[in-house]
Amino acid sequence: MKLIPSFATLAIALSSTPFIHADEMDRLTKITFSGPVEVPGKILPAGKYVFKLLDDPAERNVVQIYNEDQNELEVQFLAISDRKMHLSGKTVIQFAERPAGHPEAIKAWFYPGDQDGLAFVYPHDRAVQIAKESGEPVYSTHSDYSGYSKKHLKSGDADSTSMKHSDITTVQPDGSETGSQTTGRH
């Protein structure tokens, strides 16, 4: 099993991404992926996407991903505050290491100039698998509100208020869970 280091994947993804744009208020960020990537609830094929926070000041830990034209919501999911050691003037996306042939799983997203970013919270079963494959801890929730695709969003099943009150744990590579917290305002 061959793993690609996280930092190498990040460098590849962002260096091949000529279109990165960010907006301060909702953290709107345009990103181009040269290959498929996994986010909670969905595998995004290669292409251009818009990441942003839910437009509700009380719900700052719900990430929404739109298509390039922002006319179709692809998925929305929970995230929790994350911190990195060094500031960067560019968007930073952190990936979990994955076996060759698997889509890279995004662990966290940092807005340009911010030391505080958002760690993505995966549905429990996916978090267990990603943690085992990557050898790294992954945030998880047993809630049904951890990652919603277009089907759920259109049916009204994805209630952002319910998402905000989901319990979050950290799944370790051996499958054990540590800690329990609820999402907080970002």
C-alpha atoms as a PDB file:
ATOM      1  CA  MET A   1       0.000   0.000   0.000  1.00  0.00           C
ATOM      2  CA  LYS A   2       1.526   3.281  -1.096  1.00  0.00           C
ATOM      3  CA  LEU A   3       0.622   6.482   0.750  1.00  0.00           C
ATOM      4  CA  ILE A   4       1.120   9.969  -0.597  1.00  0.00           C
ATOM      5  CA  PRO A   5       2.307  12.400   2.089  1.00  0.00           C
ATOM      6  CA  SER A   6      -0.245  15.069   3.048  1.00  0.00           C
ATOM      7  CA  PHE A   7       2.081  17.977   2.377  1.00  0.00           C
ATOM      8  CA  ALA A   8       2.923  16.661  -1.106  1.00  0.00           C
ATOM      9  CA  THR A   9      -0.738  16.264  -1.944  1.00  0.00           C
ATOM     10  CA  LEU A  10      -1.420  19.778  -0.709  1.00  0.00           C
ATOM     11  CA  ALA A  11       1.390  21.184  -2.816  1.00  0.00           C
ATOM     12  CA  ILE A  12       0.173  19.294  -5.879  1.00  0.00           C
ATOM     13  CA  ALA A  13      -3.453  20.325  -5.425  1.00  0.00           C
ATOM     14  CA  LEU A  14      -2.777  23.994  -4.799  1.00  0.00           C
ATOM     15  CA  SER A  15       0.042  24.387  -7.310  1.00  0.00           C
ATOM     16  CA  SER A  16      -2.196  23.008 -10.029  1.00  0.00           C
ATOM     17  CA  THR A  17      -4.971  25.312  -8.873  1.00  0.00           C
ATOM     18  CA  PRO A  18      -4.717  28.591 -10.737  1.00  0.00           C
ATOM     19  CA  PHE A  19      -8.115  29.794  -9.539  1.00  0.00           C
ATOM     20  CA  ILE A  20      -8.112  30.362  -5.797  1.00  0.00           C
ATOM     21  CA  HIS A  21     -10.128  33.334  -4.622  1.00  0.00           C
ATOM     22  CA  ALA A  22     -11.379  34.103  -1.154  1.00  0.00           C
ATOM     23  CA  ASP A  23     -13.929  36.474   0.395  1.00  0.00           C
ATOM     24  CA  GLU A  24     -13.560  37.626   4.017  1.00  0.00           C
ATOM     25  CA  MET A  25     -17.194  37.539   5.228  1.00  0.00           C
ATOM     26  CA  ASP A  26     -18.363  34.050   4.269  1.00  0.00           C
ATOM     27  CA  ARG A  27     -14.842  32.754   3.583  1.00  0.00           C
ATOM     28  CA  LEU A  28     -15.856  32.180  -0.044  1.00  0.00           C
ATOM     29  CA  THR A  29     -12.981  30.360  -1.677  1.00  0.00           C
ATOM     30  CA  LYS A  30     -12.787  29.152  -5.285  1.00  0.00           C
ATOM     31  CA  ILE A  31     -10.702  26.014  -5.687  1.00  0.00           C
ATOM     32  CA  THR A  32      -9.827  23.811  -8.649  1.00  0.00           C
ATOM     33  CA  PHE A  33      -8.992  20.166  -7.980  1.00  0.00           C
ATOM     34  CA  SER A  34      -6.992  18.252 -10.571  1.00  0.00           C
ATOM     35  CA  GLY A  35      -8.320  14.921  -9.283  1.00  0.00           C
ATOM     36  CA  PRO A  36     -11.242  13.641  -7.222  1.00  0.00           C
ATOM     37  CA  VAL A  37     -11.366  14.578  -3.527  1.00  0.00           C
ATOM     38  CA  GLU A  38     -13.501  13.341  -0.673  1.00  0.00           C
ATOM     39  CA  VAL A  39     -15.417  15.623   1.673  1.00  0.00           C
ATOM     40  CA  PRO A  40     -17.974  14.522   4.268  1.00  0.00           C
ATOM     41  CA  GLY A  41     -20.895  12.979   2.419  1.00  0.00           C
ATOM     42  CA  LYS A  42     -19.488  13.107  -1.114  1.00  0.00           C
ATOM     43  CA  ILE A  43     -16.649  12.442  -3.533  1.00  0.00           C
ATOM     44  CA  LEU A  44     -16.161  15.542  -5.683  1.00  0.00           C
ATOM     45  CA  PRO A  45     -14.826  14.819  -9.173  1.00  0.00           C
ATOM     46  CA  ALA A  46     -11.954  16.904 -10.541  1.00  0.00           C
ATOM     47  CA  GLY A  47     -13.188  20.408 -11.267  1.00  0.00           C
ATOM     48  CA  LYS A  48     -13.834  23.891  -9.936  1.00  0.00           C
ATOM     49  CA  TYR A  49     -15.748  24.442  -6.706  1.00  0.00           C
ATOM     50  CA  VAL A  50     -16.700  27.200  -4.305  1.00  0.00           C
ATOM     51  CA  PHE A  51     -16.248  26.577  -0.574  1.00  0.00           C
ATOM     52  CA  LYS A  52     -17.992  28.899   1.843  1.00  0.00           C
ATOM     53  CA  LEU A  53     -19.579  29.069   5.266  1.00  0.00           C
ATOM     54  CA  LEU A  54     -23.337  28.880   5.685  1.00  0.00           C
ATOM     55  CA  ASP A  55     -24.733  32.421   5.462  1.00  0.00           C
ATOM     56  CA  ASP A  56     -25.917  32.565   9.063  1.00  0.00           C
ATOM     57  CA  PRO A  57     -23.791  34.240  11.770  1.00  0.00           C
ATOM     58  CA  ALA A  58     -25.068  31.753  14.367  1.00  0.00           C
ATOM     59  CA  GLU A  59     -24.063  28.729  12.265  1.00  0.00           C
ATOM     60  CA  ARG A  60     -20.395  29.410  11.409  1.00  0.00           C
ATOM     61  CA  ASN A  61     -19.328  25.748  11.457  1.00  0.00           C
ATOM     62  CA  VAL A  62     -21.386  24.521   8.523  1.00  0.00           C
ATOM     63  CA  VAL A  63     -19.381  24.354   5.290  1.00  0.00           C
ATOM     64  CA  GLN A  64     -21.140  24.505   1.944  1.00  0.00           C
ATOM     65  CA  ILE A  65     -19.574  23.469  -1.354  1.00  0.00           C
ATOM     66  CA  TYR A  66     -21.100  24.767  -4.560  1.00  0.00           C
ATOM     67  CA  ASN A  67     -20.363  24.147  -8.209  1.00  0.00           C
ATOM     68  CA  GLU A  68     -18.207  26.740  -9.998  1.00  0.00           C
ATOM     69  CA  ASP A  69     -21.188  28.938 -10.930  1.00  0.00           C
ATOM     70  CA  GLN A  70     -22.588  28.821  -7.370  1.00  0.00           C
ATOM     71  CA  ASN A  71     -26.007  27.857  -8.696  1.00  0.00           C
ATOM     72  CA  GLU A  72     -25.951  24.304  -7.312  1.00  0.00           C
ATOM     73  CA  LEU A  73     -25.137  23.288  -3.757  1.00  0.00           C
ATOM     74  CA  GLU A  74     -23.128  20.057  -3.968  1.00  0.00           C
ATOM     75  CA  VAL A  75     -22.896  19.250  -0.262  1.00  0.00           C
ATOM     76  CA  GLN A  76     -22.939  20.828   3.198  1.00  0.00           C
ATOM     77  CA  PHE A  77     -21.474  19.391   6.357  1.00  0.00           C
ATOM     78  CA  LEU A  78     -20.199  20.022   9.868  1.00  0.00           C
ATOM     79  CA  ALA A  79     -16.757  21.318  10.681  1.00  0.00           C
ATOM     80  CA  ILE A  80     -15.031  22.272  13.906  1.00  0.00           C
ATOM     81  CA  SER A  81     -12.372  24.844  14.684  1.00  0.00           C
ATOM     82  CA  ASP A  82      -8.826  23.827  13.840  1.00  0.00           C
ATOM     83  CA  ARG A  83      -5.542  25.679  14.292  1.00  0.00           C
ATOM     84  CA  LYS A  84      -2.291  25.598  12.355  1.00  0.00           C
ATOM     85  CA  MET A  85       1.066  26.822  13.524  1.00  0.00           C
ATOM     86  CA  HIS A  86       1.987  29.216  10.725  1.00  0.00           C
ATOM     87  CA  LEU A  87      -0.002  31.883   8.928  1.00  0.00           C
ATOM     88  CA  SER A  88      -0.230  31.739   5.166  1.00  0.00           C
ATOM     89  CA  GLY A  89      -1.373  34.376   2.717  1.00  0.00           C
ATOM     90  CA  LYS A  90      -2.937  31.606   0.631  1.00  0.00           C
ATOM     91  CA  THR A  91      -5.764  29.142   1.024  1.00  0.00           C
ATOM     92  CA  VAL A  92      -4.536  25.967   2.706  1.00  0.00           C
ATOM     93  CA  ILE A  93      -6.250  22.615   2.286  1.00  0.00           C
ATOM     94  CA  GLN A  94      -4.989  19.719   4.413  1.00  0.00           C
ATOM     95  CA  PHE A  95      -5.480  16.170   3.163  1.00  0.00           C
ATOM     96  CA  ALA A  96      -5.413  12.837   4.957  1.00  0.00           C
ATOM     97  CA  GLU A  97      -2.893  10.404   3.546  1.00  0.00           C
ATOM     98  CA  ARG A  98      -4.652   7.722   1.510  1.00  0.00           C
ATOM     99  CA  PRO A  99      -3.639   4.570  -0.328  1.00  0.00           C
ATOM    100  CA  ALA A 100      -2.789   5.034  -4.004  1.00  0.00           C
ATOM    101  CA  GLY A 101      -5.906   5.000  -6.158  1.00  0.00           C
ATOM    102  CA  HIS A 102      -8.224   6.428  -3.489  1.00  0.00           C
ATOM    103  CA  PRO A 103      -9.529  10.011  -3.663  1.00  0.00           C
ATOM    104  CA  GLU A 104      -7.746  12.338  -1.252  1.00  0.00           C
ATOM    105  CA  ALA A 105      -9.878  13.106   1.815  1.00  0.00           C
ATOM    106  CA  ILE A 106      -9.854  16.740   2.901  1.00  0.00           C
ATOM    107  CA  LYS A 107      -9.129  17.098   6.619  1.00  0.00           C
ATOM    108  CA  ALA A 108      -9.201  20.897   7.007  1.00  0.00           C
ATOM    109  CA  TRP A 109      -9.616  24.200   5.169  1.00  0.00           C
ATOM    110  CA  PHE A 110      -7.859  27.436   6.176  1.00  0.00           C
ATOM    111  CA  TYR A 111      -8.796  30.823   4.769  1.00  0.00           C
ATOM    112  CA  PRO A 112      -5.864  33.027   3.617  1.00  0.00           C
ATOM    113  CA  GLY A 113      -4.195  34.813   6.541  1.00  0.00           C
ATOM    114  CA  ASP A 114      -6.111  32.870   9.201  1.00  0.00           C
ATOM    115  CA  GLN A 115      -4.454  30.651  11.748  1.00  0.00           C
ATOM    116  CA  ASP A 116      -7.873  29.250  12.668  1.00  0.00           C
ATOM    117  CA  GLY A 117      -9.548  27.085  10.080  1.00  0.00           C
ATOM    118  CA  LEU A 118     -12.147  24.363   9.897  1.00  0.00           C
ATOM    119  CA  ALA A 119     -11.538  20.639  10.339  1.00  0.00           C
ATOM    120  CA  PHE A 120     -14.066  18.549   8.439  1.00  0.00           C
ATOM    121  CA  VAL A 121     -16.289  16.143  10.389  1.00  0.00           C
ATOM    122  CA  TYR A 122     -16.986  12.870   8.579  1.00  0.00           C
ATOM    123  CA  PRO A 123     -19.846  10.423   9.088  1.00  0.00           C
ATOM    124  CA  HIS A 124     -18.643   7.858  11.617  1.00  0.00           C
ATOM    125  CA  ASP A 125     -18.235   4.880   9.264  1.00  0.00           C
ATOM    126  CA  ARG A 126     -16.194   6.925   6.762  1.00  0.00           C
ATOM    127  CA  ALA A 127     -14.126   8.471   9.559  1.00  0.00           C
ATOM    128  CA  VAL A 128     -13.202   4.992  10.810  1.00  0.00           C
ATOM    129  CA  GLN A 129     -12.123   3.917   7.330  1.00  0.00           C
ATOM    130  CA  ILE A 130     -10.152   7.104   6.596  1.00  0.00           C
ATOM    131  CA  ALA A 131      -8.420   6.963  10.005  1.00  0.00           C
ATOM    132  CA  LYS A 132      -7.446   3.337   9.463  1.00  0.00           C
ATOM    133  CA  GLU A 133      -6.141   3.964   5.917  1.00  0.00           C
ATOM    134  CA  SER A 134      -4.298   7.177   6.757  1.00  0.00           C
ATOM    135  CA  GLY A 135      -2.972   6.282  10.192  1.00  0.00           C
ATOM    136  CA  GLU A 136      -4.217   9.704  11.359  1.00  0.00           C
ATOM    137  CA  PRO A 137      -7.114  10.708  13.647  1.00  0.00           C
ATOM    138  CA  VAL A 138     -10.303  11.905  11.913  1.00  0.00           C
ATOM    139  CA  TYR A 139     -13.206  13.898  13.384  1.00  0.00           C
ATOM    140  CA  SER A 140     -16.466  11.976  13.365  1.00  0.00           C
ATOM    141  CA  THR A 141     -20.118  12.156  14.256  1.00  0.00           C
ATOM    142  CA  HIS A 142     -22.747   9.460  14.599  1.00  0.00           C
ATOM    143  CA  SER A 143     -25.351  12.066  13.672  1.00  0.00           C
ATOM    144  CA  ASP A 144     -27.254  11.790  10.432  1.00  0.00           C
ATOM    145  CA  TYR A 145     -26.313  15.434   9.818  1.00  0.00           C
ATOM    146  CA  SER A 146     -22.600  15.066   9.086  1.00  0.00           C
ATOM    147  CA  GLY A 147     -22.585  15.343   5.300  1.00  0.00           C
ATOM    148  CA  TYR A 148     -25.442  16.069   2.948  1.00  0.00           C
ATOM    149  CA  SER A 149     -25.585  15.727  -0.779  1.00  0.00           C
ATOM    150  CA  LYS A 150     -28.040  17.435  -3.134  1.00  0.00           C
ATOM    151  CA  LYS A 151     -30.698  14.737  -2.578  1.00  0.00           C
ATOM    152  CA  HIS A 152     -30.849  15.418   1.179  1.00  0.00           C
ATOM    153  CA  LEU A 153     -30.629  19.180   0.772  1.00  0.00           C
ATOM    154  CA  LYS A 154     -33.596  19.266  -1.625  1.00  0.00           C
ATOM    155  CA  SER A 155     -35.706  17.030   0.619  1.00  0.00           C
ATOM    156  CA  GLY A 156     -35.121  19.336   3.603  1.00  0.00           C
ATOM    157  CA  ASP A 157     -33.418  16.633   5.693  1.00  0.00           C
ATOM    158  CA  ALA A 158     -30.277  18.715   6.260  1.00  0.00           C
ATOM    159  CA  ASP A 159     -31.181  21.066   9.081  1.00  0.00           C
ATOM    160  CA  SER A 160     -28.166  23.248   9.921  1.00  0.00           C
ATOM    161  CA  THR A 161     -29.414  23.877  13.473  1.00  0.00           C
ATOM    162  CA  SER A 162     -29.520  20.136  14.150  1.00  0.00           C
ATOM    163  CA  MET A 163     -26.098  19.783  12.541  1.00  0.00           C
ATOM    164  CA  LYS A 164     -24.688  22.353  14.970  1.00  0.00           C
ATOM    165  CA  HIS A 165     -25.741  20.314  18.000  1.00  0.00           C
ATOM    166  CA  SER A 166     -24.233  17.011  16.899  1.00  0.00           C
ATOM    167  CA  ASP A 167     -21.724  15.277  19.139  1.00  0.00           C
ATOM    168  CA  ILE A 168     -18.244  15.091  17.630  1.00  0.00           C
ATOM    169  CA  THR A 169     -15.588  12.511  18.525  1.00  0.00           C
ATOM    170  CA  THR A 170     -12.123  11.784  17.215  1.00  0.00           C
ATOM    171  CA  VAL A 171     -11.666   8.382  15.602  1.00  0.00           C
ATOM    172  CA  GLN A 172      -8.160   6.985  16.071  1.00  0.00           C
ATOM    173  CA  PRO A 173      -6.439   4.781  13.477  1.00  0.00           C
ATOM    174  CA  ASP A 174      -7.198   1.687  15.607  1.00  0.00           C
ATOM    175  CA  GLY A 175     -10.943   2.532  15.450  1.00  0.00           C
ATOM    176  CA  SER A 176     -11.242   3.745  19.034  1.00  0.00           C
ATOM    177  CA  GLU A 177     -12.992   7.032  19.761  1.00  0.00           C
ATOM    178  CA  THR A 178     -11.673   9.771  22.007  1.00  0.00           C
ATOM    179  CA  GLY A 179     -13.207  12.969  23.287  1.00  0.00           C
ATOM    180  CA  SER A 180     -16.700  14.212  22.809  1.00  0.00           C
ATOM    181  CA  GLN A 181     -17.678  17.750  22.009  1.00  0.00           C
ATOM    182  CA  THR A 182     -20.371  19.684  20.262  1.00  0.00           C
ATOM    183  CA  THR A 183     -19.653  22.159  17.546  1.00  0.00           C
ATOM    184  CA  GLY A 184     -19.203  25.746  18.646  1.00  0.00           C
ATOM    185  CA  ARG A 185     -19.379  29.113  16.988  1.00  0.00           C
ATOM    186  CA  HIS A 186     -16.461  29.893  14.737  1.00  0.00           C
END
